[in-house]
Amino acid sequence: MKKSLKQLVITMCLSLIFTTAFAIPVANAEQNANISDDQINSEVEQIQDTLDPLLKLIDQMPEEVAEQGINSGVKWLNQNKGDEFRDYKFVADGENLKTIEIKEPGQITTMGVWSCISSAGKALVINALPWAKILKVKKAAKLMGGLNSMTKTIITAYKHQRNLGLSKTSSIKKAVTLSTRALPGETQKAVLEFFSLGDVVDNCF
């Protein structure tokens, strides 16, 4: 009797393992049925268009300028923002970095929460980013071999997660988490908050 019970338990366990092993790929395959490579590549292009201008500008800021505080950083950003941000001005809101849109000479309008605005074919996404987080992101990029390397790693991870069937929001969050797993916990949080990728994905494409 004991032997029969043991065999039954083993059979049930093997059946569960077999079912689970094959169910996950099938489920992912079903989720992926409507996700083409062209669609994923289009999403990647949109993410880069949305984030690259601001990321590159932050990355170019000398560390000594950033370390002096937000007022020093804002001054540098406005002096070096170039044509992509010619219609926008960086401002300090306490210890948070924000942007304001210059509508007409002498008239400015604060951007709404997580607005996406076109600027020379690019898009800027920013709303009250803590300066301390920006400093951590600059250091994270340096530890990961530079901004281009960090962005490439995150984008590659994003494409992989999308191919596994995850949603855009889940994929980008997972991509950031996996890409920064070797960094300190607070730095990982700073990168995720800086990108605020879930909001970007939901509101910008």
C-alpha atoms as a PDB file:
ATOM      1  CA  MET A   1       0.000   0.000   0.000  1.00  0.00           C
ATOM      2  CA  LYS A   2       2.824   2.362   0.976  1.00  0.00           C
ATOM      3  CA  LYS A   3       4.632   1.535  -2.246  1.00  0.00           C
ATOM      4  CA  SER A   4       1.564   2.313  -4.346  1.00  0.00           C
ATOM      5  CA  LEU A   5       1.077   5.635  -2.540  1.00  0.00           C
ATOM      6  CA  LYS A   6       4.721   6.542  -3.133  1.00  0.00           C
ATOM      7  CA  GLN A   7       4.413   5.720  -6.840  1.00  0.00           C
ATOM      8  CA  LEU A   8       1.252   7.839  -7.054  1.00  0.00           C
ATOM      9  CA  VAL A   9       3.012  10.823  -5.473  1.00  0.00           C
ATOM     10  CA  ILE A  10       5.977  10.479  -7.835  1.00  0.00           C
ATOM     11  CA  THR A  11       3.662  10.260 -10.826  1.00  0.00           C
ATOM     12  CA  MET A  12       1.780  13.368  -9.753  1.00  0.00           C
ATOM     13  CA  CYS A  13       5.026  15.322  -9.241  1.00  0.00           C
ATOM     14  CA  LEU A  14       6.367  14.316 -12.638  1.00  0.00           C
ATOM     15  CA  SER A  15       3.077  15.287 -14.233  1.00  0.00           C
ATOM     16  CA  LEU A  16       3.174  18.695 -12.556  1.00  0.00           C
ATOM     17  CA  ILE A  17       6.759  19.320 -13.664  1.00  0.00           C
ATOM     18  CA  PHE A  18       5.981  18.244 -17.221  1.00  0.00           C
ATOM     19  CA  THR A  19       2.864  20.421 -17.383  1.00  0.00           C
ATOM     20  CA  THR A  20       4.634  23.494 -15.974  1.00  0.00           C
ATOM     21  CA  ALA A  21       7.656  23.122 -18.220  1.00  0.00           C
ATOM     22  CA  PHE A  22       5.556  23.094 -21.340  1.00  0.00           C
ATOM     23  CA  ALA A  23       2.813  25.461 -20.238  1.00  0.00           C
ATOM     24  CA  ILE A  24       5.080  28.495 -19.857  1.00  0.00           C
ATOM     25  CA  PRO A  25       6.532  28.426 -23.401  1.00  0.00           C
ATOM     26  CA  VAL A  26       3.054  27.853 -24.823  1.00  0.00           C
ATOM     27  CA  ALA A  27       1.647  30.775 -22.833  1.00  0.00           C
ATOM     28  CA  ASN A  28       4.472  33.021 -23.970  1.00  0.00           C
ATOM     29  CA  ALA A  29       4.021  31.886 -27.549  1.00  0.00           C
ATOM     30  CA  GLU A  30       0.350  32.844 -27.344  1.00  0.00           C
ATOM     31  CA  GLN A  31       1.222  36.262 -25.885  1.00  0.00           C
ATOM     32  CA  ASN A  32       3.845  36.795 -28.545  1.00  0.00           C
ATOM     33  CA  ALA A  33       1.496  35.936 -31.354  1.00  0.00           C
ATOM     34  CA  ASN A  34       0.554  39.602 -31.762  1.00  0.00           C
ATOM     35  CA  ILE A  35       4.038  41.063 -31.192  1.00  0.00           C
ATOM     36  CA  SER A  36       6.096  41.326 -34.364  1.00  0.00           C
ATOM     37  CA  ASP A  37       9.764  42.191 -34.618  1.00  0.00           C
ATOM     38  CA  ASP A  38       8.805  45.364 -36.457  1.00  0.00           C
ATOM     39  CA  GLN A  39       6.561  46.405 -33.585  1.00  0.00           C
ATOM     40  CA  ILE A  40       9.266  45.794 -30.991  1.00  0.00           C
ATOM     41  CA  ASN A  41      11.839  47.658 -33.073  1.00  0.00           C
ATOM     42  CA  SER A  42       9.399  50.552 -33.394  1.00  0.00           C
ATOM     43  CA  GLU A  43       8.945  50.626 -29.614  1.00  0.00           C
ATOM     44  CA  VAL A  44      12.713  50.650 -29.110  1.00  0.00           C
ATOM     45  CA  GLU A  45      13.077  53.544 -31.526  1.00  0.00           C
ATOM     46  CA  GLN A  46      10.393  55.499 -29.696  1.00  0.00           C
ATOM     47  CA  ILE A  47      11.995  54.861 -26.304  1.00  0.00           C
ATOM     48  CA  GLN A  48      15.334  56.098 -27.603  1.00  0.00           C
ATOM     49  CA  ASP A  49      13.776  59.160 -29.240  1.00  0.00           C
ATOM     50  CA  THR A  50      12.007  59.958 -25.983  1.00  0.00           C
ATOM     51  CA  LEU A  51      14.960  59.551 -23.631  1.00  0.00           C
ATOM     52  CA  ASP A  52      18.178  60.090 -25.572  1.00  0.00           C
ATOM     53  CA  PRO A  53      18.217  63.917 -25.795  1.00  0.00           C
ATOM     54  CA  LEU A  54      17.886  64.431 -22.035  1.00  0.00           C
ATOM     55  CA  LEU A  55      20.150  61.505 -21.146  1.00  0.00           C
ATOM     56  CA  LYS A  56      22.912  62.716 -23.445  1.00  0.00           C
ATOM     57  CA  LEU A  57      22.679  66.241 -22.085  1.00  0.00           C
ATOM     58  CA  ILE A  58      22.891  64.996 -18.487  1.00  0.00           C
ATOM     59  CA  ASP A  59      25.758  62.691 -19.423  1.00  0.00           C
ATOM     60  CA  GLN A  60      27.729  65.540 -20.998  1.00  0.00           C
ATOM     61  CA  MET A  61      27.472  67.673 -17.861  1.00  0.00           C
ATOM     62  CA  PRO A  62      30.857  67.750 -16.083  1.00  0.00           C
ATOM     63  CA  GLU A  63      30.764  65.965 -12.729  1.00  0.00           C
ATOM     64  CA  GLU A  64      32.245  68.960 -10.951  1.00  0.00           C
ATOM     65  CA  VAL A  65      29.321  71.058 -12.186  1.00  0.00           C
ATOM     66  CA  ALA A  66      26.736  68.496 -11.102  1.00  0.00           C
ATOM     67  CA  GLU A  67      28.365  68.047  -7.694  1.00  0.00           C
ATOM     68  CA  GLN A  68      28.051  71.781  -6.986  1.00  0.00           C
ATOM     69  CA  GLY A  69      24.282  71.399  -6.761  1.00  0.00           C
ATOM     70  CA  ILE A  70      21.120  71.859  -8.741  1.00  0.00           C
ATOM     71  CA  ASN A  71      21.551  75.598  -9.352  1.00  0.00           C
ATOM     72  CA  SER A  72      24.935  75.009 -10.919  1.00  0.00           C
ATOM     73  CA  GLY A  73      23.485  72.155 -12.952  1.00  0.00           C
ATOM     74  CA  VAL A  74      20.513  74.167 -14.185  1.00  0.00           C
ATOM     75  CA  LYS A  75      22.787  76.997 -15.298  1.00  0.00           C
ATOM     76  CA  TRP A  76      24.974  74.550 -17.239  1.00  0.00           C
ATOM     77  CA  LEU A  77      21.963  72.807 -18.819  1.00  0.00           C
ATOM     78  CA  ASN A  78      20.516  76.075 -20.092  1.00  0.00           C
ATOM     79  CA  GLN A  79      23.877  77.193 -21.469  1.00  0.00           C
ATOM     80  CA  ASN A  80      24.517  73.894 -23.244  1.00  0.00           C
ATOM     81  CA  LYS A  81      21.036  72.612 -24.167  1.00  0.00           C
ATOM     82  CA  GLY A  82      21.448  73.271 -27.911  1.00  0.00           C
ATOM     83  CA  ASP A  83      18.746  73.428 -30.561  1.00  0.00           C
ATOM     84  CA  GLU A  84      16.861  70.357 -29.322  1.00  0.00           C
ATOM     85  CA  PHE A  85      15.697  72.247 -26.253  1.00  0.00           C
ATOM     86  CA  ARG A  86      15.670  75.786 -27.629  1.00  0.00           C
ATOM     87  CA  ASP A  87      11.974  76.233 -26.797  1.00  0.00           C
ATOM     88  CA  TYR A  88      12.383  74.978 -23.233  1.00  0.00           C
ATOM     89  CA  LYS A  89      14.126  76.154 -20.104  1.00  0.00           C
ATOM     90  CA  PHE A  90      15.478  74.077 -17.237  1.00  0.00           C
ATOM     91  CA  VAL A  91      14.557  75.316 -13.773  1.00  0.00           C
ATOM     92  CA  ALA A  92      15.148  74.295 -10.157  1.00  0.00           C
ATOM     93  CA  ASP A  93      12.072  73.510  -8.094  1.00  0.00           C
ATOM     94  CA  GLY A  94      13.675  73.136  -4.700  1.00  0.00           C
ATOM     95  CA  GLU A  95      15.996  70.172  -5.168  1.00  0.00           C
ATOM     96  CA  ASN A  96      14.065  68.916  -8.191  1.00  0.00           C
ATOM     97  CA  LEU A  97      14.848  69.537 -11.859  1.00  0.00           C
ATOM     98  CA  LYS A  98      11.941  70.631 -14.067  1.00  0.00           C
ATOM     99  CA  THR A  99      11.429  72.237 -17.440  1.00  0.00           C
ATOM    100  CA  ILE A 100       9.198  75.044 -18.585  1.00  0.00           C
ATOM    101  CA  GLU A 101       8.081  75.656 -22.131  1.00  0.00           C
ATOM    102  CA  ILE A 102       8.669  79.109 -23.555  1.00  0.00           C
ATOM    103  CA  LYS A 103       5.463  79.914 -25.434  1.00  0.00           C
ATOM    104  CA  GLU A 104       6.249  83.491 -26.435  1.00  0.00           C
ATOM    105  CA  PRO A 105       8.912  86.016 -25.471  1.00  0.00           C
ATOM    106  CA  GLY A 106       8.404  86.655 -21.783  1.00  0.00           C
ATOM    107  CA  GLN A 107       5.662  84.015 -21.448  1.00  0.00           C
ATOM    108  CA  ILE A 108       6.363  80.589 -20.005  1.00  0.00           C
ATOM    109  CA  THR A 109       4.149  77.645 -19.091  1.00  0.00           C
ATOM    110  CA  THR A 110       5.077  74.875 -16.695  1.00  0.00           C
ATOM    111  CA  MET A 111       4.898  71.443 -18.294  1.00  0.00           C
ATOM    112  CA  GLY A 112       2.197  69.063 -17.119  1.00  0.00           C
ATOM    113  CA  VAL A 113       2.973  65.813 -15.335  1.00  0.00           C
ATOM    114  CA  TRP A 114       4.972  63.497 -17.558  1.00  0.00           C
ATOM    115  CA  SER A 115       4.294  65.438 -20.703  1.00  0.00           C
ATOM    116  CA  CYS A 116       6.027  64.379 -23.885  1.00  0.00           C
ATOM    117  CA  ILE A 117       7.069  67.249 -26.086  1.00  0.00           C
ATOM    118  CA  SER A 118       8.657  67.258 -29.495  1.00  0.00           C
ATOM    119  CA  SER A 119      11.874  69.180 -29.935  1.00  0.00           C
ATOM    120  CA  ALA A 120      13.777  68.937 -33.200  1.00  0.00           C
ATOM    121  CA  GLY A 121      12.345  65.503 -33.900  1.00  0.00           C
ATOM    122  CA  LYS A 122      13.120  64.301 -30.379  1.00  0.00           C
ATOM    123  CA  ALA A 123      11.072  64.197 -27.202  1.00  0.00           C
ATOM    124  CA  LEU A 124      11.845  65.329 -23.689  1.00  0.00           C
ATOM    125  CA  VAL A 125      10.228  63.618 -20.758  1.00  0.00           C
ATOM    126  CA  ILE A 126      10.828  65.219 -17.395  1.00  0.00           C
ATOM    127  CA  ASN A 127       8.874  66.202 -14.319  1.00  0.00           C
ATOM    128  CA  ALA A 128      10.466  67.158 -10.997  1.00  0.00           C
ATOM    129  CA  LEU A 129      13.444  64.796 -11.082  1.00  0.00           C
ATOM    130  CA  PRO A 130      15.364  64.892  -7.784  1.00  0.00           C
ATOM    131  CA  TRP A 131      18.862  66.220  -8.363  1.00  0.00           C
ATOM    132  CA  ALA A 132      20.316  63.571  -6.045  1.00  0.00           C
ATOM    133  CA  LYS A 133      18.850  60.887  -8.317  1.00  0.00           C
ATOM    134  CA  ILE A 134      20.396  62.503 -11.372  1.00  0.00           C
ATOM    135  CA  LEU A 135      23.819  62.363  -9.723  1.00  0.00           C
ATOM    136  CA  LYS A 136      23.336  58.659  -9.016  1.00  0.00           C
ATOM    137  CA  VAL A 137      22.336  58.019 -12.635  1.00  0.00           C
ATOM    138  CA  LYS A 138      25.477  59.775 -13.889  1.00  0.00           C
ATOM    139  CA  LYS A 139      27.576  57.555 -11.632  1.00  0.00           C
ATOM    140  CA  ALA A 140      25.634  54.455 -12.702  1.00  0.00           C
ATOM    141  CA  ALA A 141      26.297  55.219 -16.363  1.00  0.00           C
ATOM    142  CA  LYS A 142      29.978  55.653 -15.604  1.00  0.00           C
ATOM    143  CA  LEU A 143      30.105  52.295 -13.798  1.00  0.00           C
ATOM    144  CA  MET A 144      28.390  50.619 -16.757  1.00  0.00           C
ATOM    145  CA  GLY A 145      30.882  51.921 -19.296  1.00  0.00           C
ATOM    146  CA  GLY A 146      29.124  55.156 -20.176  1.00  0.00           C
ATOM    147  CA  LEU A 147      25.668  56.284 -21.174  1.00  0.00           C
ATOM    148  CA  ASN A 148      25.673  54.550 -24.566  1.00  0.00           C
ATOM    149  CA  SER A 149      26.622  51.255 -22.976  1.00  0.00           C
ATOM    150  CA  MET A 150      23.966  51.567 -20.277  1.00  0.00           C
ATOM    151  CA  THR A 151      21.244  52.481 -22.771  1.00  0.00           C
ATOM    152  CA  LYS A 152      22.230  49.661 -25.136  1.00  0.00           C
ATOM    153  CA  THR A 153      22.125  47.139 -22.275  1.00  0.00           C
ATOM    154  CA  ILE A 154      18.667  48.278 -21.180  1.00  0.00           C
ATOM    155  CA  ILE A 155      17.299  48.284 -24.730  1.00  0.00           C
ATOM    156  CA  THR A 156      18.632  44.771 -25.392  1.00  0.00           C
ATOM    157  CA  ALA A 157      17.012  43.543 -22.185  1.00  0.00           C
ATOM    158  CA  TYR A 158      13.757  45.277 -23.118  1.00  0.00           C
ATOM    159  CA  LYS A 159      13.592  43.511 -26.484  1.00  0.00           C
ATOM    160  CA  HIS A 160      14.223  40.172 -24.782  1.00  0.00           C
ATOM    161  CA  GLN A 161      11.425  40.730 -22.257  1.00  0.00           C
ATOM    162  CA  ARG A 162       9.005  41.742 -25.014  1.00  0.00           C
ATOM    163  CA  ASN A 163       9.886  38.591 -26.906  1.00  0.00           C
ATOM    164  CA  LEU A 164       9.030  36.633 -23.742  1.00  0.00           C
ATOM    165  CA  GLY A 165       5.546  38.128 -23.891  1.00  0.00           C
ATOM    166  CA  LEU A 166       5.703  40.808 -21.185  1.00  0.00           C
ATOM    167  CA  SER A 167       3.821  44.081 -21.605  1.00  0.00           C
ATOM    168  CA  LYS A 168       5.704  47.244 -22.607  1.00  0.00           C
ATOM    169  CA  THR A 169       5.614  48.644 -19.082  1.00  0.00           C
ATOM    170  CA  SER A 170       6.652  45.378 -17.426  1.00  0.00           C
ATOM    171  CA  SER A 171       9.372  44.797 -20.026  1.00  0.00           C
ATOM    172  CA  ILE A 172      11.024  48.166 -19.567  1.00  0.00           C
ATOM    173  CA  LYS A 173      10.930  47.949 -15.767  1.00  0.00           C
ATOM    174  CA  LYS A 174      12.336  44.430 -15.881  1.00  0.00           C
ATOM    175  CA  ALA A 175      14.997  45.559 -18.345  1.00  0.00           C
ATOM    176  CA  VAL A 176      16.198  48.321 -16.025  1.00  0.00           C
ATOM    177  CA  THR A 177      16.193  45.968 -13.033  1.00  0.00           C
ATOM    178  CA  LEU A 178      18.213  43.303 -14.839  1.00  0.00           C
ATOM    179  CA  SER A 179      20.601  45.772 -16.437  1.00  0.00           C
ATOM    180  CA  THR A 180      21.481  47.444 -13.132  1.00  0.00           C
ATOM    181  CA  ARG A 181      21.500  44.376 -10.886  1.00  0.00           C
ATOM    182  CA  ALA A 182      25.257  44.707 -10.289  1.00  0.00           C
ATOM    183  CA  LEU A 183      24.828  48.235  -8.937  1.00  0.00           C
ATOM    184  CA  PRO A 184      23.949  49.195  -5.337  1.00  0.00           C
ATOM    185  CA  GLY A 185      20.250  49.052  -4.512  1.00  0.00           C
ATOM    186  CA  GLU A 186      19.831  52.810  -4.139  1.00  0.00           C
ATOM    187  CA  THR A 187      21.533  53.371  -7.482  1.00  0.00           C
ATOM    188  CA  GLN A 188      19.203  50.885  -9.159  1.00  0.00           C
ATOM    189  CA  LYS A 189      16.200  52.746  -7.746  1.00  0.00           C
ATOM    190  CA  ALA A 190      17.636  56.042  -8.958  1.00  0.00           C
ATOM    191  CA  VAL A 191      18.056  54.747 -12.510  1.00  0.00           C
ATOM    192  CA  LEU A 192      14.490  53.407 -12.549  1.00  0.00           C
ATOM    193  CA  GLU A 193      13.091  56.647 -11.130  1.00  0.00           C
ATOM    194  CA  PHE A 194      15.138  58.754 -13.513  1.00  0.00           C
ATOM    195  CA  PHE A 195      13.871  56.860 -16.506  1.00  0.00           C
ATOM    196  CA  SER A 196      10.388  56.567 -14.974  1.00  0.00           C
ATOM    197  CA  LEU A 197      10.031  54.143 -17.825  1.00  0.00           C
ATOM    198  CA  GLY A 198       6.597  52.850 -16.910  1.00  0.00           C
ATOM    199  CA  ASP A 199       5.158  56.352 -17.196  1.00  0.00           C
ATOM    200  CA  VAL A 200       7.062  57.008 -20.400  1.00  0.00           C
ATOM    201  CA  VAL A 201       5.787  53.835 -22.003  1.00  0.00           C
ATOM    202  CA  ASP A 202       2.194  54.457 -20.906  1.00  0.00           C
ATOM    203  CA  ASN A 203       2.039  58.134 -21.842  1.00  0.00           C
ATOM    204  CA  CYS A 204       4.430  58.635 -24.736  1.00  0.00           C
ATOM    205  CA  PHE A 205       3.709  55.769 -27.167  1.00  0.00           C
END
